Amino acid sequence: PLEQAAATGCRLLLAAADSLELPGWTLGTVRV
């Protein structure tokens, strides 16, 4: 659902960065 899309996308991206062991990432603009 629309109200979950931004949170889900950000969570997936941060989890992916953790799995690749990439510290120091910052999420910038998020659009849905």
PDB file of all heavy atoms in Angstrom:
ATOM      1  N   PRO A   1       0.836  -1.212   0.000  1.00  0.00           N
ATOM      2  CA  PRO A   1       0.000   0.000   0.000  1.00  0.00           C
ATOM      3  C   PRO A   1       0.871   1.262   0.000  1.00  0.00           C
ATOM      4  O   PRO A   1       2.008   1.252   0.482  1.00  0.00           O
ATOM      5  CB  PRO A   1      -0.802  -0.113   1.297  1.00  0.00           C
ATOM      6  CG  PRO A   1      -0.796  -1.566   1.633  1.00  0.00           C
ATOM      7  CD  PRO A   1       0.517  -2.089   1.133  1.00  0.00           C
ATOM      8  N   LEU A   2       0.323   2.338  -0.510  1.00  0.00           N
ATOM      9  CA  LEU A   2       1.039   3.599  -0.643  1.00  0.00           C
ATOM     10  C   LEU A   2       1.663   4.057   0.678  1.00  0.00           C
ATOM     11  O   LEU A   2       2.815   4.499   0.708  1.00  0.00           O
ATOM     12  CB  LEU A   2       0.101   4.684  -1.184  1.00  0.00           C
ATOM     13  CG  LEU A   2       0.719   6.047  -1.460  1.00  0.00           C
ATOM     14  CD1 LEU A   2       1.812   5.948  -2.516  1.00  0.00           C
ATOM     15  CD2 LEU A   2      -0.344   7.032  -1.900  1.00  0.00           C
ATOM     16  N   GLU A   3       0.923   3.928   1.767  1.00  0.00           N
ATOM     17  CA  GLU A   3       1.422   4.408   3.058  1.00  0.00           C
ATOM     18  C   GLU A   3       2.589   3.579   3.592  1.00  0.00           C
ATOM     19  O   GLU A   3       3.273   4.000   4.523  1.00  0.00           O
ATOM     20  CB  GLU A   3       0.290   4.490   4.098  1.00  0.00           C
ATOM     21  CG  GLU A   3      -0.385   3.187   4.422  1.00  0.00           C
ATOM     22  CD  GLU A   3      -1.538   2.852   3.477  1.00  0.00           C
ATOM     23  OE1 GLU A   3      -1.790   3.578   2.507  1.00  0.00           O
ATOM     24  OE2 GLU A   3      -2.179   1.813   3.707  1.00  0.00           O
ATOM     25  N   GLN A   4       2.860   2.421   3.030  1.00  0.00           N
ATOM     26  CA  GLN A   4       3.976   1.573   3.462  1.00  0.00           C
ATOM     27  C   GLN A   4       5.151   1.609   2.497  1.00  0.00           C
ATOM     28  O   GLN A   4       6.232   1.129   2.823  1.00  0.00           O
ATOM     29  CB  GLN A   4       3.514   0.120   3.580  1.00  0.00           C
ATOM     30  CG  GLN A   4       2.472  -0.134   4.624  1.00  0.00           C
ATOM     31  CD  GLN A   4       1.995  -1.576   4.571  1.00  0.00           C
ATOM     32  OE1 GLN A   4       2.568  -2.418   3.904  1.00  0.00           O
ATOM     33  NE2 GLN A   4       0.920  -1.861   5.287  1.00  0.00           N
ATOM     34  N   ALA A   5       4.978   2.184   1.334  1.00  0.00           N
ATOM     35  CA  ALA A   5       5.982   2.079   0.273  1.00  0.00           C
ATOM     36  C   ALA A   5       7.319   2.726   0.631  1.00  0.00           C
ATOM     37  O   ALA A   5       8.375   2.120   0.441  1.00  0.00           O
ATOM     38  CB  ALA A   5       5.440   2.663  -1.027  1.00  0.00           C
ATOM     39  N   ALA A   6       7.308   3.945   1.140  1.00  0.00           N
ATOM     40  CA  ALA A   6       8.567   4.629   1.464  1.00  0.00           C
ATOM     41  C   ALA A   6       9.333   3.885   2.545  1.00  0.00           C
ATOM     42  O   ALA A   6      10.540   3.658   2.415  1.00  0.00           O
ATOM     43  CB  ALA A   6       8.298   6.069   1.883  1.00  0.00           C
ATOM     44  N   ALA A   7       8.631   3.488   3.605  1.00  0.00           N
ATOM     45  CA  ALA A   7       9.291   2.780   4.700  1.00  0.00           C
ATOM     46  C   ALA A   7       9.843   1.435   4.232  1.00  0.00           C
ATOM     47  O   ALA A   7      10.965   1.056   4.589  1.00  0.00           O
ATOM     48  CB  ALA A   7       8.321   2.581   5.856  1.00  0.00           C
ATOM     49  N   THR A   8       9.079   0.721   3.427  1.00  0.00           N
ATOM     50  CA  THR A   8       9.533  -0.584   2.925  1.00  0.00           C
ATOM     51  C   THR A   8      10.741  -0.422   2.026  1.00  0.00           C
ATOM     52  O   THR A   8      11.730  -1.144   2.163  1.00  0.00           O
ATOM     53  CB  THR A   8       8.397  -1.295   2.169  1.00  0.00           C
ATOM     54  OG1 THR A   8       7.291  -1.480   3.053  1.00  0.00           O
ATOM     55  CG2 THR A   8       8.847  -2.650   1.641  1.00  0.00           C
ATOM     56  N   GLY A   9      10.698   0.535   1.097  1.00  0.00           N
ATOM     57  CA  GLY A   9      11.832   0.759   0.201  1.00  0.00           C
ATOM     58  C   GLY A   9      13.097   1.146   0.952  1.00  0.00           C
ATOM     59  O   GLY A   9      14.177   0.617   0.677  1.00  0.00           O
ATOM     60  N   CYS A  10      12.963   2.047   1.914  1.00  0.00           N
ATOM     61  CA  CYS A  10      14.128   2.467   2.706  1.00  0.00           C
ATOM     62  C   CYS A  10      14.692   1.311   3.527  1.00  0.00           C
ATOM     63  O   CYS A  10      15.904   1.122   3.600  1.00  0.00           O
ATOM     64  CB  CYS A  10      13.757   3.631   3.619  1.00  0.00           C
ATOM     65  SG  CYS A  10      13.438   5.165   2.745  1.00  0.00           S
ATOM     66  N   ARG A  11      13.798   0.532   4.137  1.00  0.00           N
ATOM     67  CA  ARG A  11      14.252  -0.615   4.935  1.00  0.00           C
ATOM     68  C   ARG A  11      15.010  -1.615   4.072  1.00  0.00           C
ATOM     69  O   ARG A  11      16.062  -2.128   4.465  1.00  0.00           O
ATOM     70  CB  ARG A  11      13.062  -1.295   5.626  1.00  0.00           C
ATOM     71  CG  ARG A  11      13.459  -2.473   6.509  1.00  0.00           C
ATOM     72  CD  ARG A  11      12.254  -3.100   7.189  1.00  0.00           C
ATOM     73  NE  ARG A  11      11.123  -3.348   6.322  1.00  0.00           N
ATOM     74  CZ  ARG A  11      11.047  -4.347   5.435  1.00  0.00           C
ATOM     75  NH1 ARG A  11      12.055  -5.176   5.278  1.00  0.00           N
ATOM     76  NH2 ARG A  11       9.959  -4.516   4.707  1.00  0.00           N
ATOM     77  N   LEU A  12      14.488  -1.896   2.877  1.00  0.00           N
ATOM     78  CA  LEU A  12      15.162  -2.835   1.976  1.00  0.00           C
ATOM     79  C   LEU A  12      16.540  -2.317   1.574  1.00  0.00           C
ATOM     80  O   LEU A  12      17.514  -3.072   1.558  1.00  0.00           O
ATOM     81  CB  LEU A  12      14.317  -3.077   0.726  1.00  0.00           C
ATOM     82  CG  LEU A  12      13.056  -3.905   0.908  1.00  0.00           C
ATOM     83  CD1 LEU A  12      12.244  -3.915  -0.377  1.00  0.00           C
ATOM     84  CD2 LEU A  12      13.409  -5.320   1.346  1.00  0.00           C
ATOM     85  N   LEU A  13      16.611  -1.035   1.268  1.00  0.00           N
ATOM     86  CA  LEU A  13      17.884  -0.471   0.833  1.00  0.00           C
ATOM     87  C   LEU A  13      18.912  -0.456   1.966  1.00  0.00           C
ATOM     88  O   LEU A  13      20.078  -0.786   1.759  1.00  0.00           O
ATOM     89  CB  LEU A  13      17.665   0.936   0.288  1.00  0.00           C
ATOM     90  CG  LEU A  13      18.831   1.553  -0.458  1.00  0.00           C
ATOM     91  CD1 LEU A  13      19.375   0.618  -1.542  1.00  0.00           C
ATOM     92  CD2 LEU A  13      18.419   2.870  -1.066  1.00  0.00           C
ATOM     93  N   LEU A  14      18.488  -0.110   3.171  1.00  0.00           N
ATOM     94  CA  LEU A  14      19.420  -0.116   4.307  1.00  0.00           C
ATOM     95  C   LEU A  14      19.862  -1.535   4.663  1.00  0.00           C
ATOM     96  O   LEU A  14      21.028  -1.767   4.992  1.00  0.00           O
ATOM     97  CB  LEU A  14      18.790   0.581   5.511  1.00  0.00           C
ATOM     98  CG  LEU A  14      18.613   2.090   5.349  1.00  0.00           C
ATOM     99  CD1 LEU A  14      17.794   2.656   6.497  1.00  0.00           C
ATOM    100  CD2 LEU A  14      19.961   2.784   5.235  1.00  0.00           C
ATOM    101  N   ALA A  15      18.955  -2.496   4.571  1.00  0.00           N
ATOM    102  CA  ALA A  15      19.311  -3.889   4.824  1.00  0.00           C
ATOM    103  C   ALA A  15      20.302  -4.390   3.771  1.00  0.00           C
ATOM    104  O   ALA A  15      21.235  -5.133   4.071  1.00  0.00           O
ATOM    105  CB  ALA A  15      18.071  -4.771   4.852  1.00  0.00           C
ATOM    106  N   ALA A  16      20.115  -3.965   2.530  1.00  0.00           N
ATOM    107  CA  ALA A  16      21.046  -4.342   1.455  1.00  0.00           C
ATOM    108  C   ALA A  16      22.426  -3.757   1.719  1.00  0.00           C
ATOM    109  O   ALA A  16      23.441  -4.441   1.542  1.00  0.00           O
ATOM    110  CB  ALA A  16      20.516  -3.865   0.103  1.00  0.00           C
ATOM    111  N   ALA A  17      22.483  -2.501   2.152  1.00  0.00           N
ATOM    112  CA  ALA A  17      23.772  -1.877   2.477  1.00  0.00           C
ATOM    113  C   ALA A  17      24.459  -2.624   3.619  1.00  0.00           C
ATOM    114  O   ALA A  17      25.671  -2.853   3.574  1.00  0.00           O
ATOM    115  CB  ALA A  17      23.574  -0.407   2.843  1.00  0.00           C
ATOM    116  N   ASP A  18      23.684  -3.029   4.625  1.00  0.00           N
ATOM    117  CA  ASP A  18      24.253  -3.811   5.724  1.00  0.00           C
ATOM    118  C   ASP A  18      24.781  -5.153   5.235  1.00  0.00           C
ATOM    119  O   ASP A  18      25.855  -5.594   5.642  1.00  0.00           O
ATOM    120  CB  ASP A  18      23.219  -4.046   6.824  1.00  0.00           C
ATOM    121  CG  ASP A  18      22.967  -2.812   7.664  1.00  0.00           C
ATOM    122  OD1 ASP A  18      23.759  -1.839   7.571  1.00  0.00           O
ATOM    123  OD2 ASP A  18      21.964  -2.808   8.410  1.00  0.00           O
ATOM    124  N   SER A  19      24.038  -5.806   4.350  1.00  0.00           N
ATOM    125  CA  SER A  19      24.470  -7.121   3.860  1.00  0.00           C
ATOM    126  C   SER A  19      25.743  -7.010   3.022  1.00  0.00           C
ATOM    127  O   SER A  19      26.533  -7.948   2.970  1.00  0.00           O
ATOM    128  CB  SER A  19      23.359  -7.800   3.059  1.00  0.00           C
ATOM    129  OG  SER A  19      23.219  -7.219   1.778  1.00  0.00           O
ATOM    130  N   LEU A  20      25.941  -5.865   2.377  1.00  0.00           N
ATOM    131  CA  LEU A  20      27.165  -5.636   1.604  1.00  0.00           C
ATOM    132  C   LEU A  20      28.279  -5.036   2.459  1.00  0.00           C
ATOM    133  O   LEU A  20      29.357  -4.748   1.954  1.00  0.00           O
ATOM    134  CB  LEU A  20      26.870  -4.701   0.425  1.00  0.00           C
ATOM    135  CG  LEU A  20      25.981  -5.264  -0.681  1.00  0.00           C
ATOM    136  CD1 LEU A  20      25.589  -4.162  -1.660  1.00  0.00           C
ATOM    137  CD2 LEU A  20      26.690  -6.398  -1.398  1.00  0.00           C
ATOM    138  N   GLU A  21      27.985  -4.850   3.760  1.00  0.00           N
ATOM    139  CA  GLU A  21      28.932  -4.263   4.714  1.00  0.00           C
ATOM    140  C   GLU A  21      29.428  -2.906   4.231  1.00  0.00           C
ATOM    141  O   GLU A  21      30.626  -2.645   4.141  1.00  0.00           O
ATOM    142  CB  GLU A  21      30.081  -5.222   4.989  1.00  0.00           C
ATOM    143  CG  GLU A  21      29.614  -6.529   5.593  1.00  0.00           C
ATOM    144  CD  GLU A  21      30.739  -7.514   5.842  1.00  0.00           C
ATOM    145  OE1 GLU A  21      31.903  -7.216   5.520  1.00  0.00           O
ATOM    146  OE2 GLU A  21      30.429  -8.597   6.360  1.00  0.00           O
ATOM    147  N   LEU A  22      28.464  -2.023   3.923  1.00  0.00           N
ATOM    148  CA  LEU A  22      28.766  -0.683   3.422  1.00  0.00           C
ATOM    149  C   LEU A  22      28.388   0.358   4.469  1.00  0.00           C
ATOM    150  O   LEU A  22      27.246   0.779   4.550  1.00  0.00           O
ATOM    151  CB  LEU A  22      27.988  -0.426   2.128  1.00  0.00           C
ATOM    152  CG  LEU A  22      28.273  -1.385   0.992  1.00  0.00           C
ATOM    153  CD1 LEU A  22      27.325  -1.134  -0.168  1.00  0.00           C
ATOM    154  CD2 LEU A  22      29.716  -1.253   0.532  1.00  0.00           C
ATOM    155  N   PRO A  23      29.335   0.792   5.288  1.00  0.00           N
ATOM    156  CA  PRO A  23      29.035   1.806   6.300  1.00  0.00           C
ATOM    157  C   PRO A  23      29.007   3.208   5.693  1.00  0.00           C
ATOM    158  O   PRO A  23      29.562   3.453   4.622  1.00  0.00           O
ATOM    159  CB  PRO A  23      30.207   1.669   7.268  1.00  0.00           C
ATOM    160  CG  PRO A  23      31.346   1.235   6.404  1.00  0.00           C
ATOM    161  CD  PRO A  23      30.726   0.336   5.354  1.00  0.00           C
ATOM    162  N   GLY A  24      28.358   4.110   6.378  1.00  0.00           N
ATOM    163  CA  GLY A  24      28.383   5.507   5.988  1.00  0.00           C
ATOM    164  C   GLY A  24      27.412   5.919   4.901  1.00  0.00           C
ATOM    165  O   GLY A  24      27.507   7.018   4.374  1.00  0.00           O
ATOM    166  N   TRP A  25      26.463   5.078   4.564  1.00  0.00           N
ATOM    167  CA  TRP A  25      25.475   5.440   3.544  1.00  0.00           C
ATOM    168  C   TRP A  25      24.436   6.365   4.169  1.00  0.00           C
ATOM    169  O   TRP A  25      24.041   6.200   5.314  1.00  0.00           O
ATOM    170  CB  TRP A  25      24.777   4.204   3.019  1.00  0.00           C
ATOM    171  CG  TRP A  25      25.582   3.441   2.030  1.00  0.00           C
ATOM    172  CD1 TRP A  25      26.925   3.238   2.049  1.00  0.00           C
ATOM    173  CD2 TRP A  25      25.103   2.772   0.883  1.00  0.00           C
ATOM    174  NE1 TRP A  25      27.310   2.485   0.990  1.00  0.00           N
ATOM    175  CE2 TRP A  25      26.204   2.185   0.252  1.00  0.00           C
ATOM    176  CE3 TRP A  25      23.858   2.620   0.328  1.00  0.00           C
ATOM    177  CZ2 TRP A  25      26.088   1.452  -0.912  1.00  0.00           C
ATOM    178  CZ3 TRP A  25      23.739   1.881  -0.824  1.00  0.00           C
ATOM    179  CH2 TRP A  25      24.846   1.306  -1.438  1.00  0.00           C
ATOM    180  N   THR A  26      23.978   7.327   3.402  1.00  0.00           N
ATOM    181  CA  THR A  26      22.936   8.245   3.846  1.00  0.00           C
ATOM    182  C   THR A  26      21.826   8.252   2.805  1.00  0.00           C
ATOM    183  O   THR A  26      22.100   8.426   1.615  1.00  0.00           O
ATOM    184  CB  THR A  26      23.500   9.676   3.979  1.00  0.00           C
ATOM    185  OG1 THR A  26      24.612   9.652   4.857  1.00  0.00           O
ATOM    186  CG2 THR A  26      22.452  10.625   4.519  1.00  0.00           C
ATOM    187  N   LEU A  27      20.607   8.057   3.266  1.00  0.00           N
ATOM    188  CA  LEU A  27      19.480   8.139   2.345  1.00  0.00           C
ATOM    189  C   LEU A  27      19.175   9.610   2.098  1.00  0.00           C
ATOM    190  O   LEU A  27      19.036  10.382   3.032  1.00  0.00           O
ATOM    191  CB  LEU A  27      18.248   7.439   2.915  1.00  0.00           C
ATOM    192  CG  LEU A  27      18.368   5.935   3.127  1.00  0.00           C
ATOM    193  CD1 LEU A  27      17.049   5.381   3.635  1.00  0.00           C
ATOM    194  CD2 LEU A  27      18.795   5.224   1.877  1.00  0.00           C
ATOM    195  N   GLY A  28      19.078   9.962   0.845  1.00  0.00           N
ATOM    196  CA  GLY A  28      18.734  11.331   0.467  1.00  0.00           C
ATOM    197  C   GLY A  28      17.261  11.429   0.163  1.00  0.00           C
ATOM    198  O   GLY A  28      16.416  10.972   0.929  1.00  0.00           O
ATOM    199  N   THR A  29      16.932  11.947  -0.994  1.00  0.00           N
ATOM    200  CA  THR A  29      15.548  12.139  -1.397  1.00  0.00           C
ATOM    201  C   THR A  29      14.848  10.798  -1.616  1.00  0.00           C
ATOM    202  O   THR A  29      15.372   9.927  -2.292  1.00  0.00           O
ATOM    203  CB  THR A  29      15.496  12.955  -2.700  1.00  0.00           C
ATOM    204  OG1 THR A  29      16.217  14.158  -2.502  1.00  0.00           O
ATOM    205  CG2 THR A  29      14.075  13.263  -3.100  1.00  0.00           C
ATOM    206  N   VAL A  30      13.672  10.664  -1.022  1.00  0.00           N
ATOM    207  CA  VAL A  30      12.831   9.474  -1.209  1.00  0.00           C
ATOM    208  C   VAL A  30      11.510   9.957  -1.792  1.00  0.00           C
ATOM    209  O   VAL A  30      10.852  10.819  -1.219  1.00  0.00           O
ATOM    210  CB  VAL A  30      12.585   8.732   0.120  1.00  0.00           C
ATOM    211  CG1 VAL A  30      11.668   7.537  -0.094  1.00  0.00           C
ATOM    212  CG2 VAL A  30      13.896   8.316   0.766  1.00  0.00           C
ATOM    213  N   ARG A  31      11.152   9.403  -2.940  1.00  0.00           N
ATOM    214  CA  ARG A  31       9.884   9.760  -3.584  1.00  0.00           C
ATOM    215  C   ARG A  31       9.088   8.491  -3.839  1.00  0.00           C
ATOM    216  O   ARG A  31       9.650   7.463  -4.199  1.00  0.00           O
ATOM    217  CB  ARG A  31      10.142  10.471  -4.907  1.00  0.00           C
ATOM    218  CG  ARG A  31      10.766  11.828  -4.737  1.00  0.00           C
ATOM    219  CD  ARG A  31      10.788  12.580  -6.059  1.00  0.00           C
ATOM    220  NE  ARG A  31      11.263  13.918  -5.864  1.00  0.00           N
ATOM    221  CZ  ARG A  31      12.473  14.338  -6.216  1.00  0.00           C
ATOM    222  NH1 ARG A  31      13.317  13.519  -6.783  1.00  0.00           N
ATOM    223  NH2 ARG A  31      12.821  15.585  -5.997  1.00  0.00           N
ATOM    224  N   VAL A  32       7.779   8.610  -3.693  1.00  0.00           N
ATOM    225  CA  VAL A  32       6.879   7.471  -3.926  1.00  0.00           C
ATOM    226  C   VAL A  32       5.749   7.934  -4.831  1.00  0.00           C
ATOM    227  O   VAL A  32       5.188   9.008  -4.638  1.00  0.00           O
ATOM    228  CB  VAL A  32       6.283   6.935  -2.611  1.00  0.00           C
ATOM    229  CG1 VAL A  32       5.324   5.790  -2.880  1.00  0.00           C
ATOM    230  CG2 VAL A  32       7.386   6.507  -1.652  1.00  0.00           C
TER     231      VAL A  32
END
